[in-house]
């Protein structure tokens, strides 16, 4: 062996085709890794001991796109059913054993309103128990299917409220909310675009599911229809659950404090939330009354009247996609103003002055495109509000597009925005009855304004104006 000792120095060399940060692959394989983006969202936060290079990339790649496709389909299935409740409402009002009941509308209010209102609580729970959150879509799916099965056995309206309304909504929230949490991990730079794609699923479900339900109700009755939909919902959703999964391991999100809610009392969020609630009160009114308006005022048949809601839902698909594309590039208040201007012009000029069905259909398309895109501005609100530092309103960039490290959980911001929309949804039903009681303005104004629905049309337009008020407050320096 000899007395000479040979020293060999070992050096770990990173493979040339592997970047440390996979958010943006480098064009030069030997260039140093790019600086990771600011930790504005949960998906950017990787605690010590978690090797980021082992994670799938954000904003692209097979896993991210499969996750987004699954969320889009789940959105259509979970939200499309309560949006189609008008079909059930017409059936229940004219068929035994629910004919003549005055509480049928409460079923739909519970189904949609609770899914909005309980979002903060469900979001907080899946934040606190990230390991259990992986099973939430399955638990929620089973709950929804059980609710539909119980609904098919109902003998009174109260039974339907408890099952098709409350229980279905609770299951829908548990099934759906993980999509929001995991979206914040899978998409960073293209977050608005991803949310826009996912939320367009509601419009698609809102225009296809009603047609299917109307056919089934007319052919088989409500009991068989609910059972068929329960089976279909399970079979269509269960394959999606595999792809609705987190990008980060549970240990990477345990540091997040979901009950850190100081943003609720700071000016950016309070202004956005007030506008969001008021806009929501008016947003749901056309969907409730457009078919009735078309029949009673313009003399449309049942099918032509039903097509008004379908037109709104179809155009909202494209509105969500378009808003999702621009929210990542423009300031959120600019995007809100675009949605607001289109909604105002469509409501006051097209609906209020509609002399015939073609003009009313044009209003439905314009309204669905612009008003339906309002919620697609939420990623911009989440980005701006989450970057507000605990010490005050500073800490955000002037353009609102690049954010410093997040001070508040953007997922919880979404939860409270959804709850605000739920308040608007719940208020819209009773308020609409007040607005058209006694058919005010009938014969005292022209066209739609003199149809008896004039106050409802005007109120829808005014709430849209208030919904865009954040643009003004930013200009005067309040935000």
Protein backbone atom coordinates (compact mmCIF):
# COMPACT_ATOMS: atom_id res chain seq x y z
CA UNK A 1 0.00 0.00 0.00
CA UNK A 2 2.93 2.32 0.62
CA UNK A 3 3.07 5.33 2.86
CA UNK A 4 1.65 7.83 0.42
CA UNK A 5 -2.01 8.82 0.90
CA UNK A 6 -3.93 9.95 -2.13
CA UNK A 7 -6.68 12.50 -1.43
CA UNK A 8 -9.61 12.62 -3.77
CA UNK A 9 -12.03 15.54 -3.52
CA UNK A 10 -15.60 14.74 -4.40
CA UNK A 11 -17.87 17.46 -5.71
CA UNK A 12 -21.60 17.24 -6.25
CA UNK A 13 -22.55 18.46 -9.69
CA UNK A 14 -26.15 19.31 -10.48
CA UNK A 15 -27.39 17.71 -13.72
CA UNK A 16 -27.37 20.27 -16.52
CA UNK A 17 -31.00 19.69 -17.42
CA UNK A 18 -32.35 20.29 -13.95
CA UNK A 19 -33.12 23.75 -12.63
CA UNK A 20 -33.31 24.44 -8.96
CA UNK A 21 -36.48 26.44 -9.46
CA UNK A 22 -38.94 24.97 -11.85
CA UNK A 23 -41.24 27.96 -12.07
CA UNK A 24 -39.45 29.16 -15.21
CA UNK A 25 -37.00 26.75 -16.88
CA UNK A 26 -33.82 28.45 -17.97
CA UNK A 27 -32.93 28.48 -21.65
CA UNK A 28 -29.25 28.04 -20.76
CA UNK A 29 -28.77 24.77 -18.86
CA UNK A 30 -25.51 25.97 -17.30
CA UNK A 31 -26.76 29.37 -16.23
CA UNK A 32 -27.32 29.94 -12.52
CA UNK A 33 -30.84 29.32 -11.29
CA UNK A 34 -33.21 32.20 -11.62
CA UNK A 35 -34.23 34.11 -8.55
CA UNK A 36 -37.50 32.65 -7.33
CA UNK A 37 -40.53 34.91 -7.55
CA UNK A 38 -41.62 36.86 -4.49
CA UNK A 39 -43.50 34.71 -2.04
CA UNK A 40 -46.82 36.34 -2.68
CA UNK A 41 -48.71 33.12 -2.44
CA UNK A 42 -48.53 29.88 -0.62
CA UNK A 43 -47.15 28.09 -3.66
CA UNK A 44 -43.93 30.08 -3.38
CA UNK A 45 -43.28 29.30 0.27
CA UNK A 46 -40.96 26.34 0.74
CA UNK A 47 -39.77 25.95 4.32
CA UNK A 48 -36.35 24.68 5.24
CA UNK A 49 -35.97 20.97 4.64
CA UNK A 50 -38.31 20.88 1.63
CA UNK A 51 -36.40 20.50 -1.63
CA UNK A 52 -38.12 22.68 -4.17
CA UNK A 53 -36.39 20.98 -7.11
CA UNK A 54 -38.34 17.81 -6.30
CA UNK A 55 -41.70 19.53 -6.74
CA UNK A 56 -43.65 19.69 -10.00
CA UNK A 57 -43.45 23.05 -11.78
CA UNK A 58 -45.95 25.84 -11.28
CA UNK A 59 -47.96 27.51 -14.04
CA UNK A 60 -47.55 24.60 -16.43
CA UNK A 61 -46.60 21.00 -16.90
CA UNK A 62 -48.74 17.87 -17.04
CA UNK A 63 -49.67 17.83 -13.36
CA UNK A 64 -50.75 21.48 -13.27
CA UNK A 65 -52.91 21.20 -16.38
CA UNK A 66 -54.54 17.96 -15.24
CA UNK A 67 -55.29 19.60 -11.90
CA UNK A 68 -56.86 22.60 -13.65
CA UNK A 69 -58.94 20.39 -15.95
CA UNK A 70 -60.26 18.43 -12.97
CA UNK A 71 -61.13 21.67 -11.14
CA UNK A 72 -62.94 22.99 -14.21
CA UNK A 73 -65.06 19.86 -14.45
CA UNK A 74 -65.74 19.83 -10.71
CA UNK A 75 -66.79 23.48 -10.88
CA UNK A 76 -69.34 22.66 -13.57
CA UNK A 77 -70.79 19.71 -11.65
CA UNK A 78 -70.88 21.19 -8.14
CA UNK A 79 -72.04 24.71 -8.99
CA UNK A 80 -74.03 23.88 -12.12
CA UNK A 81 -76.68 22.00 -10.12
CA UNK A 82 -77.70 24.83 -7.75
CA UNK A 83 -77.56 27.29 -10.66
CA UNK A 84 -80.10 25.03 -12.39
CA UNK A 85 -82.51 25.07 -9.46
CA UNK A 86 -84.97 27.19 -11.43
CA UNK A 87 -85.90 24.03 -13.33
CA UNK A 88 -86.77 22.27 -10.08
CA UNK A 89 -88.56 25.35 -8.77
CA UNK A 90 -90.96 25.42 -11.72
CA UNK A 91 -91.57 21.68 -11.34
CA UNK A 92 -92.16 21.76 -7.58
CA UNK A 93 -94.63 24.63 -7.86
CA UNK A 94 -96.80 22.73 -10.31
CA UNK A 95 -96.56 19.14 -9.06
CA UNK A 96 -97.54 17.28 -5.93
CA UNK A 97 -96.65 16.94 -3.12
CA UNK A 98 -95.09 20.42 -3.11
CA UNK A 99 -97.62 22.32 -5.22
CA UNK A 100 -98.71 25.56 -3.61
CA UNK A 101 -95.88 25.71 -1.07
CA UNK A 102 -94.58 29.19 -0.38
CA UNK A 103 -91.10 28.06 0.70
CA UNK A 104 -89.89 26.40 -2.49
CA UNK A 105 -87.56 29.31 -3.31
CA UNK A 106 -85.81 28.76 0.03
CA UNK A 107 -84.39 25.48 -1.31
CA UNK A 108 -82.39 27.21 -4.01
CA UNK A 109 -81.38 30.03 -1.69
CA UNK A 110 -79.93 27.53 0.78
CA UNK A 111 -78.23 25.45 -1.91
CA UNK A 112 -76.32 28.35 -3.38
CA UNK A 113 -76.17 30.76 -0.45
CA UNK A 114 -74.67 28.29 2.02
CA UNK A 115 -72.01 27.21 -0.47
CA UNK A 116 -70.90 30.83 -0.57
CA UNK A 117 -71.40 31.67 3.10
CA UNK A 118 -69.57 28.75 4.67
CA UNK A 119 -66.47 29.18 2.47
CA UNK A 120 -64.36 30.93 5.18
CA UNK A 121 -65.02 28.17 7.71
CA UNK A 122 -64.30 25.34 5.27
CA UNK A 123 -61.17 27.12 4.01
CA UNK A 124 -59.90 27.54 7.56
CA UNK A 125 -60.49 23.88 8.40
CA UNK A 126 -58.61 22.57 5.38
CA UNK A 127 -55.78 24.96 6.24
CA UNK A 128 -55.65 23.69 9.82
CA UNK A 129 -55.78 20.04 8.77
CA UNK A 130 -53.91 19.85 5.45
CA UNK A 131 -53.50 16.08 5.58
CA UNK A 132 -57.24 15.55 5.92
CA UNK A 133 -57.94 18.12 3.20
CA UNK A 134 -56.76 15.61 0.60
CA UNK A 135 -59.85 13.54 1.42
CA UNK A 136 -62.26 16.47 1.47
CA UNK A 137 -63.38 16.12 -2.18
CA UNK A 138 -64.39 12.50 -1.56
CA UNK A 139 -66.20 13.35 1.68
CA UNK A 140 -68.00 16.24 0.02
CA UNK A 141 -68.95 14.14 -3.00
CA UNK A 142 -70.46 11.41 -0.84
CA UNK A 143 -72.38 14.03 1.15
CA UNK A 144 -73.82 15.57 -2.02
CA UNK A 145 -74.92 12.19 -3.37
CA UNK A 146 -76.53 11.26 -0.05
CA UNK A 147 -78.32 14.63 -0.03
CA UNK A 148 -79.73 14.00 -3.50
CA UNK A 149 -80.83 10.51 -2.49
CA UNK A 150 -82.61 11.84 0.58
CA UNK A 151 -84.20 14.58 -1.53
CA UNK A 152 -85.77 11.93 -3.75
CA UNK A 153 -87.58 10.59 -0.67
CA UNK A 154 -88.94 13.99 0.41
CA UNK A 155 -92.62 14.43 1.16
CA UNK A 156 -92.61 18.08 2.24
CA UNK A 157 -90.81 21.27 1.29
CA UNK A 158 -89.02 21.20 4.65
CA UNK A 159 -87.45 17.87 3.69
CA UNK A 160 -86.18 19.41 0.45
CA UNK A 161 -84.77 22.44 2.26
CA UNK A 162 -82.81 20.19 4.62
CA UNK A 163 -81.54 17.79 1.94
CA UNK A 164 -81.42 19.42 -1.50
CA UNK A 165 -80.73 22.79 0.09
CA UNK A 166 -78.61 22.66 3.25
CA UNK A 167 -76.98 19.21 3.11
CA UNK A 168 -76.11 19.45 -0.58
CA UNK A 169 -74.56 22.89 -0.02
CA UNK A 170 -72.41 21.65 2.86
CA UNK A 171 -71.17 18.73 0.79
CA UNK A 172 -70.53 20.98 -2.18
CA UNK A 173 -68.40 23.34 -0.11
CA UNK A 174 -66.28 20.55 1.34
CA UNK A 175 -65.81 19.02 -2.11
CA UNK A 176 -65.00 22.30 -3.86
CA UNK A 177 -62.90 24.37 -1.47
CA UNK A 178 -59.70 22.27 -1.81
CA UNK A 179 -59.64 23.37 -5.46
CA UNK A 180 -59.16 26.96 -4.31
CA UNK A 181 -56.44 26.08 -1.82
CA UNK A 182 -54.46 23.93 -4.23
CA UNK A 183 -54.89 26.40 -7.11
CA UNK A 184 -52.86 28.82 -5.02
CA UNK A 185 -50.03 26.28 -5.06
CA UNK A 186 -50.17 25.15 -8.68
CA UNK A 187 -50.46 28.55 -10.37
CA UNK A 188 -48.44 31.63 -9.40
CA UNK A 189 -47.78 33.96 -12.34
CA UNK A 190 -50.86 32.79 -14.27
CA UNK A 191 -53.17 32.54 -11.28
CA UNK A 192 -55.88 34.78 -12.71
CA UNK A 193 -55.88 32.86 -15.98
CA UNK A 194 -56.22 29.56 -14.11
CA UNK A 195 -59.09 30.82 -11.94
CA UNK A 196 -60.81 32.21 -15.04
CA UNK A 197 -60.68 28.81 -16.71
CA UNK A 198 -61.98 27.06 -13.61
CA UNK A 199 -64.81 29.51 -12.98
CA UNK A 200 -65.94 29.29 -16.59
CA UNK A 201 -67.09 25.80 -15.66
CA UNK A 202 -70.02 27.29 -13.76
CA UNK A 203 -71.35 28.86 -16.93
CA UNK A 204 -70.95 25.63 -18.85
CA UNK A 205 -72.73 23.64 -16.15
CA UNK A 206 -75.40 26.31 -15.91
CA UNK A 207 -76.32 25.90 -19.58
CA UNK A 208 -76.06 22.11 -19.98
CA UNK A 209 -77.32 20.70 -16.68
CA UNK A 210 -80.70 22.54 -16.84
CA UNK A 211 -81.43 20.98 -20.24
CA UNK A 212 -80.72 17.51 -18.90
CA UNK A 213 -82.74 18.05 -15.73
CA UNK A 214 -85.71 19.48 -17.62
CA UNK A 215 -85.77 16.40 -19.85
CA UNK A 216 -85.54 14.00 -16.91
CA UNK A 217 -88.18 15.84 -14.86
CA UNK A 218 -90.63 15.85 -17.74
CA UNK A 219 -90.07 12.17 -18.49
CA UNK A 220 -89.53 10.54 -15.09
CA UNK A 221 -90.49 12.98 -12.31
CA UNK A 222 -88.39 14.48 -9.55
CA UNK A 223 -87.66 11.32 -7.55
CA UNK A 224 -86.04 9.42 -10.42
CA UNK A 225 -84.34 12.59 -11.66
CA UNK A 226 -82.62 13.20 -8.33
CA UNK A 227 -81.49 9.58 -8.09
CA UNK A 228 -80.16 9.56 -11.65
CA UNK A 229 -78.26 12.79 -11.01
CA UNK A 230 -76.82 11.42 -7.76
CA UNK A 231 -75.39 8.42 -9.62
CA UNK A 232 -74.18 10.56 -12.52
CA UNK A 233 -72.57 13.06 -10.15
CA UNK A 234 -70.67 10.30 -8.37
CA UNK A 235 -69.49 8.58 -11.55
CA UNK A 236 -68.39 11.83 -13.20
CA UNK A 237 -66.68 13.28 -10.13
CA UNK A 238 -64.89 10.34 -8.52
CA UNK A 239 -62.22 10.11 -11.28
CA UNK A 240 -61.47 13.82 -10.81
CA UNK A 241 -60.58 13.41 -7.14
CA UNK A 242 -57.22 11.81 -7.95
CA UNK A 243 -56.06 14.93 -9.80
CA UNK A 244 -57.30 17.43 -7.18
CA UNK A 245 -54.21 17.19 -5.03
CA UNK A 246 -51.71 19.62 -3.48
CA UNK A 247 -48.45 20.55 -5.12
CA UNK A 248 -46.71 21.03 -1.78
CA UNK A 249 -46.39 18.47 1.02
CA UNK A 250 -48.55 19.18 4.09
CA UNK A 251 -45.47 20.20 6.10
CA UNK A 252 -44.92 23.11 3.72
CA UNK A 253 -48.22 24.79 4.64
CA UNK A 254 -48.43 24.18 8.38
CA UNK A 255 -46.93 27.63 9.08
CA UNK A 256 -49.94 29.40 7.52
CA UNK A 257 -52.32 31.01 10.00
CA UNK A 258 -55.83 30.98 8.51
CA UNK A 259 -57.31 32.97 11.38
CA UNK A 260 -54.98 35.90 10.84
CA UNK A 261 -57.81 38.11 9.64
CA UNK A 262 -56.48 41.62 10.07
CA UNK A 263 -57.06 42.29 6.37
CA UNK A 264 -60.80 42.44 7.05
CA UNK A 265 -60.39 45.76 8.83
CA UNK A 266 -58.05 47.46 6.36
CA UNK A 267 -59.22 49.78 3.63
CA UNK A 268 -58.35 47.73 0.53
CA UNK A 269 -60.42 44.73 1.58
CA UNK A 270 -63.32 46.66 3.12
CA UNK A 271 -63.76 48.69 -0.07
CA UNK A 272 -63.55 45.64 -2.31
CA UNK A 273 -65.88 43.64 -0.08
CA UNK A 274 -68.55 46.34 0.17
CA UNK A 275 -68.59 46.66 -3.62
CA UNK A 276 -68.59 42.88 -3.97
CA UNK A 277 -71.64 42.41 -1.72
CA UNK A 278 -73.69 45.15 -3.36
CA UNK A 279 -72.79 43.97 -6.87
CA UNK A 280 -73.88 40.44 -5.92
CA UNK A 281 -77.31 41.65 -4.77
CA UNK A 282 -78.04 42.91 -8.27
CA UNK A 283 -76.13 40.24 -10.17
CA UNK A 284 -78.54 37.41 -9.39
CA UNK A 285 -81.73 39.33 -10.27
CA UNK A 286 -81.71 38.85 -14.07
CA UNK A 287 -81.21 35.11 -13.67
CA UNK A 288 -84.29 34.96 -11.47
CA UNK A 289 -86.65 37.03 -13.62
CA UNK A 290 -85.45 36.99 -17.24
CA UNK A 291 -87.61 34.00 -18.26
CA UNK A 292 -90.70 35.49 -16.61
CA UNK A 293 -89.95 38.90 -18.13
CA UNK A 294 -89.59 37.39 -21.60
CA UNK A 295 -92.93 35.57 -21.32
CA UNK A 296 -95.05 38.29 -19.73
CA UNK A 297 -93.60 41.38 -21.37
CA UNK A 298 -92.38 40.23 -24.80
CA UNK A 299 -94.73 37.29 -25.29
CA UNK A 300 -92.03 34.65 -25.67
CA UNK A 301 -92.80 30.95 -25.47
CA UNK A 302 -91.45 28.71 -22.73
CA UNK A 303 -88.42 27.53 -24.71
CA UNK A 304 -87.52 31.01 -25.98
CA UNK A 305 -87.85 32.36 -22.44
CA UNK A 306 -85.61 29.64 -21.00
CA UNK A 307 -82.98 30.46 -23.62
CA UNK A 308 -82.41 33.83 -21.94
CA UNK A 309 -80.77 32.20 -18.92
CA UNK A 310 -78.82 29.81 -21.14
CA UNK A 311 -77.49 32.78 -23.12
CA UNK A 312 -76.29 34.44 -19.91
CA UNK A 313 -74.54 31.27 -18.76
CA UNK A 314 -72.88 30.54 -22.10
CA UNK A 315 -71.53 34.07 -22.50
CA UNK A 316 -70.25 34.04 -18.91
CA UNK A 317 -67.92 31.19 -19.90
CA UNK A 318 -66.15 33.48 -22.35
CA UNK A 319 -66.30 36.42 -19.95
CA UNK A 320 -64.51 34.46 -17.24
CA UNK A 321 -61.84 33.31 -19.69
CA UNK A 322 -61.24 36.82 -21.00
CA UNK A 323 -61.09 38.39 -17.54
CA UNK A 324 -58.78 35.64 -16.35
CA UNK A 325 -56.35 36.52 -19.12
CA UNK A 326 -56.22 40.24 -18.36
CA UNK A 327 -56.31 40.15 -14.54
CA UNK A 328 -52.70 38.92 -14.55
CA UNK A 329 -51.67 41.92 -16.67
CA UNK A 330 -53.79 44.88 -15.53
CA UNK A 331 -54.52 46.37 -12.13
CA UNK A 332 -57.54 44.80 -10.48
CA UNK A 333 -59.50 48.08 -10.34
CA UNK A 334 -59.07 48.49 -14.10
CA UNK A 335 -60.45 45.00 -14.65
CA UNK A 336 -63.36 45.69 -12.31
CA UNK A 337 -64.15 48.86 -14.24
CA UNK A 338 -64.19 46.96 -17.55
CA UNK A 339 -66.70 44.52 -16.08
CA UNK A 340 -68.74 47.35 -14.58
CA UNK A 341 -69.00 49.50 -17.72
CA UNK A 342 -70.16 46.57 -19.84
CA UNK A 343 -72.74 45.58 -17.23
CA UNK A 344 -74.08 49.12 -16.84
CA UNK A 345 -74.46 49.75 -20.57
CA UNK A 346 -76.06 46.37 -21.14
CA UNK A 347 -78.54 46.75 -18.29
CA UNK A 348 -79.69 50.34 -18.81
CA UNK A 349 -79.62 50.43 -22.62
CA UNK A 350 -80.35 46.89 -23.76
CA UNK A 351 -82.59 45.43 -21.06
CA UNK A 352 -84.31 48.67 -20.13
CA UNK A 353 -84.98 49.59 -23.77
CA UNK A 354 -85.46 46.11 -25.24
CA UNK A 355 -88.42 46.22 -27.68
CA UNK A 356 -88.23 42.56 -28.72
CA UNK A 357 -86.58 39.21 -28.01
CA UNK A 358 -83.50 39.67 -30.25
CA UNK A 359 -82.48 42.75 -28.26
CA UNK A 360 -83.16 40.91 -25.00
CA UNK A 361 -80.92 38.06 -26.17
CA UNK A 362 -78.24 40.61 -26.96
CA UNK A 363 -78.55 41.91 -23.40
CA UNK A 364 -78.19 38.36 -22.07
CA UNK A 365 -74.95 37.91 -24.01
CA UNK A 366 -73.52 41.26 -22.93
CA UNK A 367 -74.61 40.81 -19.32
CA UNK A 368 -73.25 37.29 -19.07
CA UNK A 369 -69.92 38.31 -20.57
CA UNK A 370 -69.28 41.37 -18.40
CA UNK A 371 -71.23 40.74 -15.18
CA UNK A 372 -70.33 37.06 -15.20
CA UNK A 373 -66.65 37.99 -15.29
CA UNK A 374 -66.80 40.04 -12.07
CA UNK A 375 -65.69 37.19 -9.81
CA UNK A 376 -62.74 36.52 -12.11
CA UNK A 377 -61.24 39.74 -10.74
CA UNK A 378 -60.91 38.12 -7.31
CA UNK A 379 -57.36 36.80 -7.93
CA UNK A 380 -56.28 40.42 -8.33
CA UNK A 381 -57.99 41.33 -5.05
CA UNK A 382 -56.37 38.34 -3.34
CA UNK A 383 -52.96 39.40 -4.65
CA UNK A 384 -53.29 43.00 -3.52
CA UNK A 385 -54.92 42.40 -0.13
CA UNK A 386 -52.60 39.53 0.85
CA UNK A 387 -49.59 41.77 0.24
CA UNK A 388 -50.79 44.46 2.67
CA UNK A 389 -48.34 44.34 5.55
CA UNK A 390 -49.49 43.85 9.10
CA UNK A 391 -48.33 47.32 9.92
CA UNK A 392 -50.57 49.15 7.56
CA UNK A 393 -51.67 49.61 4.02
CA UNK A 394 -48.23 49.67 2.48
CA UNK A 395 -46.13 46.91 1.14
CA UNK A 396 -47.69 46.56 -2.31
CA UNK A 397 -46.39 47.67 -5.66
CA UNK A 398 -47.83 50.67 -7.43
CA UNK A 399 -49.24 48.60 -10.29
CA UNK A 400 -50.76 45.99 -8.03
CA UNK A 401 -49.34 43.18 -10.16
CA UNK A 402 -46.17 42.25 -8.29
CA UNK A 403 -46.58 41.61 -4.59
CA UNK A 404 -44.07 41.30 -1.76
CA UNK A 405 -44.18 38.35 0.63
CA UNK A 406 -47.75 37.63 1.65
CA UNK A 407 -48.80 38.92 5.04
CA UNK A 408 -52.29 37.36 4.91
CA UNK A 409 -53.51 34.06 3.55
CA UNK A 410 -54.98 34.66 0.06
CA UNK A 411 -57.15 31.56 0.39
CA UNK A 412 -58.94 33.09 3.38
CA UNK A 413 -59.35 36.32 1.43
CA UNK A 414 -61.13 34.31 -1.24
CA UNK A 415 -63.28 32.68 1.43
CA UNK A 416 -64.57 35.99 2.72
CA UNK A 417 -65.12 37.35 -0.79
CA UNK A 418 -67.24 34.27 -1.47
CA UNK A 419 -69.13 34.81 1.78
CA UNK A 420 -69.83 38.39 0.74
CA UNK A 421 -71.26 37.14 -2.53
CA UNK A 422 -73.36 34.71 -0.53
CA UNK A 423 -74.86 37.59 1.42
CA UNK A 424 -75.83 39.20 -1.87
CA UNK A 425 -77.35 35.97 -3.10
CA UNK A 426 -79.48 35.52 0.01
CA UNK A 427 -80.68 39.14 -0.02
CA UNK A 428 -81.45 39.15 -3.75
CA UNK A 429 -84.48 36.85 -3.58
CA UNK A 430 -86.60 38.67 -0.97
CA UNK A 431 -85.52 42.07 -2.26
CA UNK A 432 -86.58 41.23 -5.80
CA UNK A 433 -90.10 40.46 -4.58
CA UNK A 434 -90.27 43.94 -3.05
CA UNK A 435 -89.00 45.61 -6.23
CA UNK A 436 -91.72 44.17 -8.47
CA UNK A 437 -94.59 44.07 -5.97
CA UNK A 438 -97.56 45.84 -7.50
CA UNK A 439 -95.75 46.19 -10.84
CA UNK A 440 -94.45 49.75 -10.21
CA UNK A 441 -93.82 52.13 -13.14
CA UNK A 442 -96.09 49.99 -15.33
CA UNK A 443 -97.48 52.16 -18.10
CA UNK A 444 -95.62 55.19 -16.75
CA UNK A 445 -92.40 54.65 -18.72
CA UNK A 446 -91.30 53.23 -22.05
CA UNK A 447 -90.34 49.66 -22.98
CA UNK A 448 -88.72 47.62 -20.22
CA UNK A 449 -88.87 50.41 -17.69
CA UNK A 450 -92.66 50.57 -18.03
CA UNK A 451 -93.21 46.82 -17.96
CA UNK A 452 -93.57 46.55 -14.20
CA UNK A 453 -89.97 45.38 -13.93
CA UNK A 454 -88.53 48.89 -14.24
CA UNK A 455 -87.36 49.22 -10.61
CA UNK A 456 -85.70 45.81 -10.83
CA UNK A 457 -83.86 46.79 -14.03
CA UNK A 458 -82.77 50.10 -12.54
CA UNK A 459 -81.65 48.46 -9.30
CA UNK A 460 -79.55 45.93 -11.21
CA UNK A 461 -77.79 48.76 -13.02
CA UNK A 462 -77.23 50.81 -9.87
CA UNK A 463 -75.69 47.87 -8.00
CA UNK A 464 -73.33 47.39 -10.94
CA UNK A 465 -72.27 51.03 -10.60
CA UNK A 466 -71.49 50.54 -6.91
CA UNK A 467 -69.69 47.29 -7.73
CA UNK A 468 -67.17 49.26 -9.76
CA UNK A 469 -66.62 51.98 -7.15
CA UNK A 470 -63.17 50.66 -6.19
CA UNK A 471 -61.83 52.23 -9.39
CA UNK A 472 -62.89 55.66 -8.10
CA UNK A 473 -61.54 55.09 -4.59
CA UNK A 474 -58.16 54.14 -6.02
CA UNK A 475 -58.08 57.33 -8.06
CA UNK A 476 -58.78 59.50 -5.02
CA UNK A 477 -56.09 57.72 -3.00
CA UNK A 478 -58.23 55.73 -0.58
CA UNK A 479 -56.59 52.46 -1.65
